[in-house]
Amino acid sequence: MIKQTLYFGNPAYLRLKDKQLSFEITINGETKFQTRAVEDIGIIIIDNPQITITSGLIQALQENNVAIVTCDYKHMPQSVLLPIEGNKTQQERYEAQLAASEPLKKQLWAQTVTQKIKNQAAILDSFLIKSDYLIPLYKNVKSGDSDNCEATAAAYYWKNIFSHVPDFVRIPQEKEYSAPNNYLNYGYTILRATMARSIVGAGLLPTLGIFHRSRYNAFCLADDLMEPYRPYVDEIAYRMINEFGLINDMTTEHKKVLLEIPRIDVIIEGEKSPLMIATQRTAVSLVKCYMGEQRKLTYPEK
């Protein structure tokens, strides 16, 4: 079953009632009451400082591995709350993750970079943008991406995919909230929360990455595994430009498109699957790699 992504952008009171998320929303002075089954929820986005959420509801959401995303004053996702315990065999999997050798992690990162660049090339092709430059890059990624093919590919990719956007640069701080960077950032945060949720559900530490390392980043592993999924968000951002134009202050209509990211179809192992399910398969494949049961990560292919 595909879990729901719920967005709250108006003042609301969220609480647990009869094992369900019960909420009161006030719009134009009128209060409305609704409920949602907690077990059907995958992600909740809180985008208003006047939203109250009870500790009882937070506890129920965490017991069901629901990612809670909060937004900043500019209505951009800022933080993700996830449960500490997400799997019954968590200790065993933690130990395997911590014991993973450097050669294994370098091979896994090479697989990740290869699939990311392949998906970037496919996205360019879908928009009739020349992608030949990327082909030798993804065919020659070495262990640990020692030649930094990812960065080389990124320079070409960003230069070309949004070449029709005046003065586009990915992502200087002064343009962080300007379209299409705002579309991309919002979408990546939804993707990151989806992947982090899958990692916790698979019984892995989201902090301990394959390649990404930072003392300030609690989601290094999510940042690793989401890389081949990023081009799907890029594709959505490209289509949003065609549909909405370059809008710096996103409306609910724009966010509604991005909130569908966990539900979009991807092809993984030759089968069509919702992205949220695909991230779970990716996380489980990493567990199997750590446990010595397989040597290849399972990623979607555009």
C-alpha atoms as a PDB file:
ATOM      1  CA  MET A   1       0.000   0.000   0.000  1.00  0.00           C
ATOM      2  CA  ILE A   2       1.269   3.483  -0.874  1.00  0.00           C
ATOM      3  CA  LYS A   3       1.424   5.666   2.208  1.00  0.00           C
ATOM      4  CA  GLN A   4      -0.187   9.105   2.138  1.00  0.00           C
ATOM      5  CA  THR A   5       1.667  12.423   2.184  1.00  0.00           C
ATOM      6  CA  LEU A   6      -0.304  14.986   4.184  1.00  0.00           C
ATOM      7  CA  TYR A   7       0.348  18.727   3.923  1.00  0.00           C
ATOM      8  CA  PHE A   8      -0.855  21.244   6.519  1.00  0.00           C
ATOM      9  CA  GLY A   9      -0.430  24.865   5.455  1.00  0.00           C
ATOM     10  CA  ASN A  10      -3.181  26.543   7.507  1.00  0.00           C
ATOM     11  CA  PRO A  11      -3.567  26.914  11.293  1.00  0.00           C
ATOM     12  CA  ALA A  12      -4.578  23.515  12.642  1.00  0.00           C
ATOM     13  CA  TYR A  13      -4.799  21.406  15.788  1.00  0.00           C
ATOM     14  CA  LEU A  14      -3.491  17.870  15.214  1.00  0.00           C
ATOM     15  CA  ARG A  15      -4.165  15.185  17.811  1.00  0.00           C
ATOM     16  CA  LEU A  16      -4.637  11.446  18.256  1.00  0.00           C
ATOM     17  CA  LYS A  17      -8.220  10.246  18.638  1.00  0.00           C
ATOM     18  CA  ASP A  18      -9.363   6.623  18.426  1.00  0.00           C
ATOM     19  CA  LYS A  19      -5.924   5.698  16.992  1.00  0.00           C
ATOM     20  CA  GLN A  20      -6.393   8.140  14.141  1.00  0.00           C
ATOM     21  CA  LEU A  21      -4.942  11.516  13.227  1.00  0.00           C
ATOM     22  CA  SER A  22      -7.740  13.942  14.014  1.00  0.00           C
ATOM     23  CA  PHE A  23      -7.394  17.529  12.891  1.00  0.00           C
ATOM     24  CA  GLU A  24      -9.293  20.761  12.962  1.00  0.00           C
ATOM     25  CA  ILE A  25      -8.579  23.216  10.144  1.00  0.00           C
ATOM     26  CA  THR A  26      -9.795  26.805  10.167  1.00  0.00           C
ATOM     27  CA  ILE A  27     -10.239  28.382   6.732  1.00  0.00           C
ATOM     28  CA  ASN A  28     -11.860  31.802   6.370  1.00  0.00           C
ATOM     29  CA  GLY A  29     -13.212  31.556   9.905  1.00  0.00           C
ATOM     30  CA  GLU A  30     -14.840  28.155   9.327  1.00  0.00           C
ATOM     31  CA  THR A  31     -13.600  25.134  11.307  1.00  0.00           C
ATOM     32  CA  LYS A  32     -13.598  21.726   9.642  1.00  0.00           C
ATOM     33  CA  PHE A  33     -12.950  18.331  11.279  1.00  0.00           C
ATOM     34  CA  GLN A  34     -11.264  15.391   9.518  1.00  0.00           C
ATOM     35  CA  THR A  35      -9.462  12.149  10.398  1.00  0.00           C
ATOM     36  CA  ARG A  36      -6.828   9.918   8.792  1.00  0.00           C
ATOM     37  CA  ALA A  37      -5.685   6.436   9.839  1.00  0.00           C
ATOM     38  CA  VAL A  38      -2.159   6.753  11.250  1.00  0.00           C
ATOM     39  CA  GLU A  39      -1.024   3.500   9.635  1.00  0.00           C
ATOM     40  CA  ASP A  40      -1.902   4.901   6.196  1.00  0.00           C
ATOM     41  CA  ILE A  41       0.415   7.910   6.532  1.00  0.00           C
ATOM     42  CA  GLY A  42       4.001   8.041   5.272  1.00  0.00           C
ATOM     43  CA  ILE A  43       4.934  11.729   5.491  1.00  0.00           C
ATOM     44  CA  ILE A  44       3.397  14.751   7.214  1.00  0.00           C
ATOM     45  CA  ILE A  45       4.467  18.284   6.241  1.00  0.00           C
ATOM     46  CA  ILE A  46       3.841  21.066   8.754  1.00  0.00           C
ATOM     47  CA  ASP A  47       4.000  24.464   7.058  1.00  0.00           C
ATOM     48  CA  ASN A  48       2.464  26.982   9.443  1.00  0.00           C
ATOM     49  CA  PRO A  49       3.714  28.309  12.808  1.00  0.00           C
ATOM     50  CA  GLN A  50       0.145  28.207  14.132  1.00  0.00           C
ATOM     51  CA  ILE A  51      -0.099  24.416  13.905  1.00  0.00           C
ATOM     52  CA  THR A  52      -0.288  22.527  17.196  1.00  0.00           C
ATOM     53  CA  ILE A  53       0.539  18.808  17.312  1.00  0.00           C
ATOM     54  CA  THR A  54       0.128  16.738  20.484  1.00  0.00           C
ATOM     55  CA  SER A  55       2.850  14.498  21.915  1.00  0.00           C
ATOM     56  CA  GLY A  56       0.438  11.574  21.815  1.00  0.00           C
ATOM     57  CA  LEU A  57       0.047  11.972  18.060  1.00  0.00           C
ATOM     58  CA  ILE A  58       3.811  12.343  17.565  1.00  0.00           C
ATOM     59  CA  GLN A  59       4.336   9.095  19.466  1.00  0.00           C
ATOM     60  CA  ALA A  60       1.762   7.264  17.320  1.00  0.00           C
ATOM     61  CA  LEU A  61       3.265   8.643  14.124  1.00  0.00           C
ATOM     62  CA  GLN A  62       6.767   7.566  15.120  1.00  0.00           C
ATOM     63  CA  GLU A  63       5.543   4.079  16.050  1.00  0.00           C
ATOM     64  CA  ASN A  64       4.304   3.832  12.458  1.00  0.00           C
ATOM     65  CA  ASN A  65       7.542   5.193  10.953  1.00  0.00           C
ATOM     66  CA  VAL A  66       5.945   8.422   9.719  1.00  0.00           C
ATOM     67  CA  ALA A  67       8.386  11.155   8.676  1.00  0.00           C
ATOM     68  CA  ILE A  68       7.361  14.548  10.090  1.00  0.00           C
ATOM     69  CA  VAL A  69       8.701  17.458   8.015  1.00  0.00           C
ATOM     70  CA  THR A  70       8.602  21.032   9.338  1.00  0.00           C
ATOM     71  CA  CYS A  71       9.052  24.153   7.191  1.00  0.00           C
ATOM     72  CA  ASP A  72      10.818  27.472   7.777  1.00  0.00           C
ATOM     73  CA  TYR A  73       9.440  31.005   7.570  1.00  0.00           C
ATOM     74  CA  LYS A  74       9.822  30.944   3.791  1.00  0.00           C
ATOM     75  CA  HIS A  75       7.692  27.774   3.632  1.00  0.00           C
ATOM     76  CA  MET A  76      10.611  25.591   2.586  1.00  0.00           C
ATOM     77  CA  PRO A  77      11.189  22.203   4.325  1.00  0.00           C
ATOM     78  CA  GLN A  78      13.635  22.631   7.183  1.00  0.00           C
ATOM     79  CA  SER A  79      13.764  19.484   9.342  1.00  0.00           C
ATOM     80  CA  VAL A  80      12.720  15.832   9.430  1.00  0.00           C
ATOM     81  CA  LEU A  81      11.672  13.859  12.511  1.00  0.00           C
ATOM     82  CA  LEU A  82      12.012  10.065  12.369  1.00  0.00           C
ATOM     83  CA  PRO A  83      11.823   7.237  14.941  1.00  0.00           C
ATOM     84  CA  ILE A  84      14.979   5.825  16.538  1.00  0.00           C
ATOM     85  CA  GLU A  85      13.724   2.244  16.223  1.00  0.00           C
ATOM     86  CA  GLY A  86      12.383   1.116  12.860  1.00  0.00           C
ATOM     87  CA  ASN A  87      13.127  -2.601  12.557  1.00  0.00           C
ATOM     88  CA  LYS A  88      13.026  -5.688  14.808  1.00  0.00           C
ATOM     89  CA  THR A  89      16.500  -6.849  13.767  1.00  0.00           C
ATOM     90  CA  GLN A  90      17.976  -3.371  14.037  1.00  0.00           C
ATOM     91  CA  GLN A  91      21.026  -4.214  16.180  1.00  0.00           C
ATOM     92  CA  GLU A  92      22.143  -6.951  13.796  1.00  0.00           C
ATOM     93  CA  ARG A  93      21.832  -4.583  10.857  1.00  0.00           C
ATOM     94  CA  TYR A  94      23.581  -1.742  12.662  1.00  0.00           C
ATOM     95  CA  GLU A  95      26.520  -4.056  13.326  1.00  0.00           C
ATOM     96  CA  ALA A  96      26.718  -5.083   9.671  1.00  0.00           C
ATOM     97  CA  GLN A  97      26.506  -1.446   8.587  1.00  0.00           C
ATOM     98  CA  LEU A  98      29.246  -0.388  10.995  1.00  0.00           C
ATOM     99  CA  ALA A  99      31.451  -3.302   9.913  1.00  0.00           C
ATOM    100  CA  ALA A 100      31.165  -2.578   6.187  1.00  0.00           C
ATOM    101  CA  SER A 101      34.611  -2.455   4.575  1.00  0.00           C
ATOM    102  CA  GLU A 102      35.920   0.527   2.646  1.00  0.00           C
ATOM    103  CA  PRO A 103      36.245  -1.483  -0.601  1.00  0.00           C
ATOM    104  CA  LEU A 104      32.561  -2.482  -0.319  1.00  0.00           C
ATOM    105  CA  LYS A 105      31.448   1.083   0.311  1.00  0.00           C
ATOM    106  CA  LYS A 106      33.521   2.328  -2.627  1.00  0.00           C
ATOM    107  CA  GLN A 107      31.894  -0.233  -4.912  1.00  0.00           C
ATOM    108  CA  LEU A 108      28.427   0.719  -3.669  1.00  0.00           C
ATOM    109  CA  TRP A 109      29.163   4.385  -4.250  1.00  0.00           C
ATOM    110  CA  ALA A 110      30.397   3.649  -7.791  1.00  0.00           C
ATOM    111  CA  GLN A 111      27.101   1.850  -8.481  1.00  0.00           C
ATOM    112  CA  THR A 112      25.200   4.827  -7.087  1.00  0.00           C
ATOM    113  CA  VAL A 113      27.050   7.388  -9.204  1.00  0.00           C
ATOM    114  CA  THR A 114      26.719   5.230 -12.324  1.00  0.00           C
ATOM    115  CA  GLN A 115      22.945   4.971 -11.974  1.00  0.00           C
ATOM    116  CA  LYS A 116      22.582   8.660 -11.145  1.00  0.00           C
ATOM    117  CA  ILE A 117      24.424   9.721 -14.310  1.00  0.00           C
ATOM    118  CA  LYS A 118      22.488   7.186 -16.422  1.00  0.00           C
ATOM    119  CA  ASN A 119      19.232   8.642 -15.113  1.00  0.00           C
ATOM    120  CA  GLN A 120      20.456  12.185 -15.774  1.00  0.00           C
ATOM    121  CA  ALA A 121      21.237  11.224 -19.362  1.00  0.00           C
ATOM    122  CA  ALA A 122      17.778   9.692 -19.753  1.00  0.00           C
ATOM    123  CA  ILE A 123      16.152  12.886 -18.456  1.00  0.00           C
ATOM    124  CA  LEU A 124      18.075  15.006 -20.962  1.00  0.00           C
ATOM    125  CA  ASP A 125      17.064  12.611 -23.736  1.00  0.00           C
ATOM    126  CA  SER A 126      13.405  12.847 -22.735  1.00  0.00           C
ATOM    127  CA  PHE A 127      13.554  16.615 -23.277  1.00  0.00           C
ATOM    128  CA  LEU A 128      15.494  16.247 -26.553  1.00  0.00           C
ATOM    129  CA  ILE A 129      18.650  17.654 -24.973  1.00  0.00           C
ATOM    130  CA  LYS A 130      21.950  16.136 -26.130  1.00  0.00           C
ATOM    131  CA  SER A 131      23.274  13.663 -23.547  1.00  0.00           C
ATOM    132  CA  ASP A 132      26.150  11.980 -25.436  1.00  0.00           C
ATOM    133  CA  TYR A 133      28.707  13.606 -23.133  1.00  0.00           C
ATOM    134  CA  LEU A 134      27.353  11.664 -20.150  1.00  0.00           C
ATOM    135  CA  ILE A 135      27.519   8.186 -21.696  1.00  0.00           C
ATOM    136  CA  PRO A 136      31.304   7.612 -21.368  1.00  0.00           C
ATOM    137  CA  LEU A 137      31.125   9.064 -17.867  1.00  0.00           C
ATOM    138  CA  TYR A 138      28.629   6.559 -16.478  1.00  0.00           C
ATOM    139  CA  LYS A 139      30.293   3.703 -18.357  1.00  0.00           C
ATOM    140  CA  ASN A 140      33.659   4.416 -16.740  1.00  0.00           C
ATOM    141  CA  VAL A 141      32.927   5.153 -13.086  1.00  0.00           C
ATOM    142  CA  LYS A 142      35.700   3.629 -10.986  1.00  0.00           C
ATOM    143  CA  SER A 143      35.562   2.337  -7.431  1.00  0.00           C
ATOM    144  CA  GLY A 144      34.689   5.196  -5.097  1.00  0.00           C
ATOM    145  CA  ASP A 145      34.254   7.419  -8.177  1.00  0.00           C
ATOM    146  CA  SER A 146      37.942   8.271  -7.918  1.00  0.00           C
ATOM    147  CA  ASP A 147      37.782  10.300 -11.148  1.00  0.00           C
ATOM    148  CA  ASN A 148      34.882  12.375  -9.772  1.00  0.00           C
ATOM    149  CA  CYS A 149      32.589  11.536 -12.681  1.00  0.00           C
ATOM    150  CA  GLU A 150      29.612  12.671 -10.624  1.00  0.00           C
ATOM    151  CA  ALA A 151      30.847  16.278 -10.471  1.00  0.00           C
ATOM    152  CA  THR A 152      31.869  16.279 -14.138  1.00  0.00           C
ATOM    153  CA  ALA A 153      28.444  15.002 -15.133  1.00  0.00           C
ATOM    154  CA  ALA A 154      26.704  17.521 -12.864  1.00  0.00           C
ATOM    155  CA  ALA A 155      28.485  20.464 -14.497  1.00  0.00           C
ATOM    156  CA  TYR A 156      27.257  19.407 -17.937  1.00  0.00           C
ATOM    157  CA  TYR A 157      23.815  18.360 -16.731  1.00  0.00           C
ATOM    158  CA  TRP A 158      22.929  21.605 -14.928  1.00  0.00           C
ATOM    159  CA  LYS A 159      24.311  23.707 -17.756  1.00  0.00           C
ATOM    160  CA  ASN A 160      21.973  22.002 -20.214  1.00  0.00           C
ATOM    161  CA  ILE A 161      18.767  20.927 -18.500  1.00  0.00           C
ATOM    162  CA  PHE A 162      17.744  24.471 -17.563  1.00  0.00           C
ATOM    163  CA  SER A 163      19.529  26.300 -20.367  1.00  0.00           C
ATOM    164  CA  HIS A 164      16.237  28.044 -21.163  1.00  0.00           C
ATOM    165  CA  VAL A 165      16.193  29.657 -17.689  1.00  0.00           C
ATOM    166  CA  PRO A 166      18.008  33.035 -17.723  1.00  0.00           C
ATOM    167  CA  ASP A 167      21.091  33.134 -15.458  1.00  0.00           C
ATOM    168  CA  PHE A 168      20.309  29.750 -13.886  1.00  0.00           C
ATOM    169  CA  VAL A 169      22.957  28.473 -11.484  1.00  0.00           C
ATOM    170  CA  ARG A 170      22.552  25.483  -9.195  1.00  0.00           C
ATOM    171  CA  ILE A 171      22.549  26.589  -6.228  1.00  0.00           C
ATOM    172  CA  PRO A 172      24.225  29.811  -4.957  1.00  0.00           C
ATOM    173  CA  GLN A 173      22.874  30.933  -1.607  1.00  0.00           C
ATOM    174  CA  GLU A 174      21.416  34.146  -2.993  1.00  0.00           C
ATOM    175  CA  LYS A 175      19.302  32.139  -5.470  1.00  0.00           C
ATOM    176  CA  GLU A 176      18.245  29.359  -3.117  1.00  0.00           C
ATOM    177  CA  TYR A 177      14.618  30.495  -3.079  1.00  0.00           C
ATOM    178  CA  SER A 178      14.423  31.496  -6.745  1.00  0.00           C
ATOM    179  CA  ALA A 179      12.760  29.264  -9.339  1.00  0.00           C
ATOM    180  CA  PRO A 180      13.635  26.630 -10.340  1.00  0.00           C
ATOM    181  CA  ASN A 181      15.958  26.137  -7.357  1.00  0.00           C
ATOM    182  CA  ASN A 182      12.984  26.415  -5.022  1.00  0.00           C
ATOM    183  CA  TYR A 183      11.153  23.682  -6.957  1.00  0.00           C
ATOM    184  CA  LEU A 184      14.232  21.468  -6.777  1.00  0.00           C
ATOM    185  CA  ASN A 185      14.940  22.098  -3.091  1.00  0.00           C
ATOM    186  CA  TYR A 186      11.362  21.425  -2.034  1.00  0.00           C
ATOM    187  CA  GLY A 187      11.232  18.264  -4.118  1.00  0.00           C
ATOM    188  CA  TYR A 188      14.595  17.011  -2.858  1.00  0.00           C
ATOM    189  CA  THR A 189      13.458  17.441   0.740  1.00  0.00           C
ATOM    190  CA  ILE A 190      10.370  15.336   0.073  1.00  0.00           C
ATOM    191  CA  LEU A 191      12.593  12.750  -1.597  1.00  0.00           C
ATOM    192  CA  ARG A 192      15.069  12.865   1.304  1.00  0.00           C
ATOM    193  CA  ALA A 193      12.332  12.314   3.866  1.00  0.00           C
ATOM    194  CA  THR A 194      10.979   9.414   1.809  1.00  0.00           C
ATOM    195  CA  MET A 195      14.398   7.785   1.577  1.00  0.00           C
ATOM    196  CA  ALA A 196      15.227   8.414   5.253  1.00  0.00           C
ATOM    197  CA  ARG A 197      11.950   6.795   6.245  1.00  0.00           C
ATOM    198  CA  SER A 198      12.815   3.731   4.139  1.00  0.00           C
ATOM    199  CA  ILE A 199      16.304   3.529   5.649  1.00  0.00           C
ATOM    200  CA  VAL A 200      14.956   3.584   9.203  1.00  0.00           C
ATOM    201  CA  GLY A 201      12.323   1.013   8.242  1.00  0.00           C
ATOM    202  CA  ALA A 202      15.085  -1.247   6.903  1.00  0.00           C
ATOM    203  CA  GLY A 203      16.881  -1.073  10.256  1.00  0.00           C
ATOM    204  CA  LEU A 204      19.848   1.058   9.193  1.00  0.00           C
ATOM    205  CA  LEU A 205      21.431   4.169  10.654  1.00  0.00           C
ATOM    206  CA  PRO A 206      20.549   7.148   8.424  1.00  0.00           C
ATOM    207  CA  THR A 207      23.519   9.086   9.842  1.00  0.00           C
ATOM    208  CA  LEU A 208      26.174   6.614   8.682  1.00  0.00           C
ATOM    209  CA  GLY A 209      26.653   7.139   4.956  1.00  0.00           C
ATOM    210  CA  ILE A 210      28.393   5.232   2.207  1.00  0.00           C
ATOM    211  CA  PHE A 211      30.070   8.339   0.798  1.00  0.00           C
ATOM    212  CA  HIS A 212      28.578  11.450   2.425  1.00  0.00           C
ATOM    213  CA  ARG A 213      30.201  12.342   5.734  1.00  0.00           C
ATOM    214  CA  SER A 214      29.447  15.339   7.924  1.00  0.00           C
ATOM    215  CA  ARG A 215      29.407  15.870  11.662  1.00  0.00           C
ATOM    216  CA  TYR A 216      26.373  18.128  11.149  1.00  0.00           C
ATOM    217  CA  ASN A 217      24.323  15.834   8.882  1.00  0.00           C
ATOM    218  CA  ALA A 218      21.988  13.267  10.457  1.00  0.00           C
ATOM    219  CA  PHE A 219      20.928  11.889   7.064  1.00  0.00           C
ATOM    220  CA  CYS A 220      24.172  11.094   5.232  1.00  0.00           C
ATOM    221  CA  LEU A 221      22.937   7.677   4.114  1.00  0.00           C
ATOM    222  CA  ALA A 222      19.694   9.168   2.799  1.00  0.00           C
ATOM    223  CA  ASP A 223      21.752  11.680   0.832  1.00  0.00           C
ATOM    224  CA  ASP A 224      23.734   8.769  -0.648  1.00  0.00           C
ATOM    225  CA  LEU A 225      20.845   6.531  -1.655  1.00  0.00           C
ATOM    226  CA  MET A 226      18.635   9.317  -3.019  1.00  0.00           C
ATOM    227  CA  GLU A 227      21.200  10.359  -5.645  1.00  0.00           C
ATOM    228  CA  PRO A 228      19.852   8.173  -8.512  1.00  0.00           C
ATOM    229  CA  TYR A 229      16.340   9.376  -7.608  1.00  0.00           C
ATOM    230  CA  ARG A 230      17.169  13.086  -7.942  1.00  0.00           C
ATOM    231  CA  PRO A 231      16.662  13.183 -11.737  1.00  0.00           C
ATOM    232  CA  TYR A 232      12.994  12.272 -11.188  1.00  0.00           C
ATOM    233  CA  VAL A 233      12.617  15.474  -9.177  1.00  0.00           C
ATOM    234  CA  ASP A 234      14.537  17.411 -11.825  1.00  0.00           C
ATOM    235  CA  GLU A 235      12.074  16.166 -14.439  1.00  0.00           C
ATOM    236  CA  ILE A 236       9.139  17.367 -12.347  1.00  0.00           C
ATOM    237  CA  ALA A 237      10.793  20.777 -11.855  1.00  0.00           C
ATOM    238  CA  TYR A 238      11.351  21.058 -15.617  1.00  0.00           C
ATOM    239  CA  ARG A 239       7.696  20.315 -16.298  1.00  0.00           C
ATOM    240  CA  MET A 240       6.633  22.780 -13.598  1.00  0.00           C
ATOM    241  CA  ILE A 241       8.487  25.543 -15.430  1.00  0.00           C
ATOM    242  CA  ASN A 242       6.533  24.716 -18.575  1.00  0.00           C
ATOM    243  CA  GLU A 243       3.249  24.613 -16.671  1.00  0.00           C
ATOM    244  CA  PHE A 244       3.624  27.421 -14.126  1.00  0.00           C
ATOM    245  CA  GLY A 245       6.611  29.449 -15.266  1.00  0.00           C
ATOM    246  CA  LEU A 246       9.309  30.673 -12.880  1.00  0.00           C
ATOM    247  CA  ILE A 247       7.452  31.390  -9.623  1.00  0.00           C
ATOM    248  CA  ASN A 248       9.611  32.302  -6.627  1.00  0.00           C
ATOM    249  CA  ASP A 249       6.775  32.232  -4.089  1.00  0.00           C
ATOM    250  CA  MET A 250       5.246  28.810  -4.525  1.00  0.00           C
ATOM    251  CA  THR A 251       1.532  28.409  -3.941  1.00  0.00           C
ATOM    252  CA  THR A 252      -0.368  25.380  -2.685  1.00  0.00           C
ATOM    253  CA  GLU A 253      -0.884  24.390  -6.307  1.00  0.00           C
ATOM    254  CA  HIS A 254       2.876  24.186  -6.898  1.00  0.00           C
ATOM    255  CA  LYS A 255       3.481  22.260  -3.679  1.00  0.00           C
ATOM    256  CA  LYS A 256       0.702  19.836  -4.518  1.00  0.00           C
ATOM    257  CA  VAL A 257       2.678  18.714  -7.560  1.00  0.00           C
ATOM    258  CA  LEU A 258       5.834  18.168  -5.492  1.00  0.00           C
ATOM    259  CA  LEU A 259       3.969  16.362  -2.722  1.00  0.00           C
ATOM    260  CA  GLU A 260       3.121  13.657  -5.250  1.00  0.00           C
ATOM    261  CA  ILE A 261       6.802  12.688  -5.566  1.00  0.00           C
ATOM    262  CA  PRO A 262       6.493   9.604  -3.282  1.00  0.00           C
ATOM    263  CA  ARG A 263       3.655   8.344  -5.483  1.00  0.00           C
ATOM    264  CA  ILE A 264       5.157   8.776  -8.960  1.00  0.00           C
ATOM    265  CA  ASP A 265       5.910   5.603 -10.899  1.00  0.00           C
ATOM    266  CA  VAL A 266       9.493   4.509 -11.495  1.00  0.00           C
ATOM    267  CA  ILE A 267      10.951   1.393 -13.119  1.00  0.00           C
ATOM    268  CA  ILE A 268      12.988  -0.766 -10.747  1.00  0.00           C
ATOM    269  CA  GLU A 269      14.228  -4.247 -11.651  1.00  0.00           C
ATOM    270  CA  GLY A 270      12.088  -4.070 -14.768  1.00  0.00           C
ATOM    271  CA  GLU A 271       8.869  -3.433 -12.844  1.00  0.00           C
ATOM    272  CA  LYS A 272       6.766  -0.302 -12.441  1.00  0.00           C
ATOM    273  CA  SER A 273       6.621   0.808  -8.815  1.00  0.00           C
ATOM    274  CA  PRO A 274       5.653   3.899  -6.803  1.00  0.00           C
ATOM    275  CA  LEU A 275       8.788   5.804  -5.806  1.00  0.00           C
ATOM    276  CA  MET A 276       8.094   5.301  -2.090  1.00  0.00           C
ATOM    277  CA  ILE A 277       8.077   1.514  -2.564  1.00  0.00           C
ATOM    278  CA  ALA A 278      11.197   1.745  -4.728  1.00  0.00           C
ATOM    279  CA  THR A 279      13.108   3.543  -1.957  1.00  0.00           C
ATOM    280  CA  GLN A 280      12.193   0.696   0.396  1.00  0.00           C
ATOM    281  CA  ARG A 281      13.588  -1.818  -2.087  1.00  0.00           C
ATOM    282  CA  THR A 282      16.772   0.234  -2.392  1.00  0.00           C
ATOM    283  CA  ALA A 283      17.223   0.358   1.385  1.00  0.00           C
ATOM    284  CA  VAL A 284      16.605  -3.387   1.754  1.00  0.00           C
ATOM    285  CA  SER A 285      19.097  -4.104  -1.030  1.00  0.00           C
ATOM    286  CA  LEU A 286      21.713  -2.159   0.935  1.00  0.00           C
ATOM    287  CA  VAL A 287      20.998  -4.304   3.990  1.00  0.00           C
ATOM    288  CA  LYS A 288      21.621  -7.401   1.865  1.00  0.00           C
ATOM    289  CA  CYS A 289      24.891  -5.916   0.592  1.00  0.00           C
ATOM    290  CA  TYR A 290      26.025  -5.237   4.150  1.00  0.00           C
ATOM    291  CA  MET A 291      25.003  -8.751   5.223  1.00  0.00           C
ATOM    292  CA  GLY A 292      26.933 -10.319   2.338  1.00  0.00           C
ATOM    293  CA  GLU A 293      23.786 -11.648   0.644  1.00  0.00           C
ATOM    294  CA  GLN A 294      24.247  -9.668  -2.583  1.00  0.00           C
ATOM    295  CA  ARG A 295      26.740  -7.276  -4.149  1.00  0.00           C
ATOM    296  CA  LYS A 296      24.561  -4.871  -6.102  1.00  0.00           C
ATOM    297  CA  LEU A 297      22.245  -2.107  -4.975  1.00  0.00           C
ATOM    298  CA  THR A 298      18.744  -1.986  -6.408  1.00  0.00           C
ATOM    299  CA  TYR A 299      18.053   1.378  -8.016  1.00  0.00           C
ATOM    300  CA  PRO A 300      15.379   2.692 -10.391  1.00  0.00           C
ATOM    301  CA  GLU A 301      16.310   3.146 -14.025  1.00  0.00           C
ATOM    302  CA  LYS A 302      14.820   5.966 -16.036  1.00  0.00           C
END
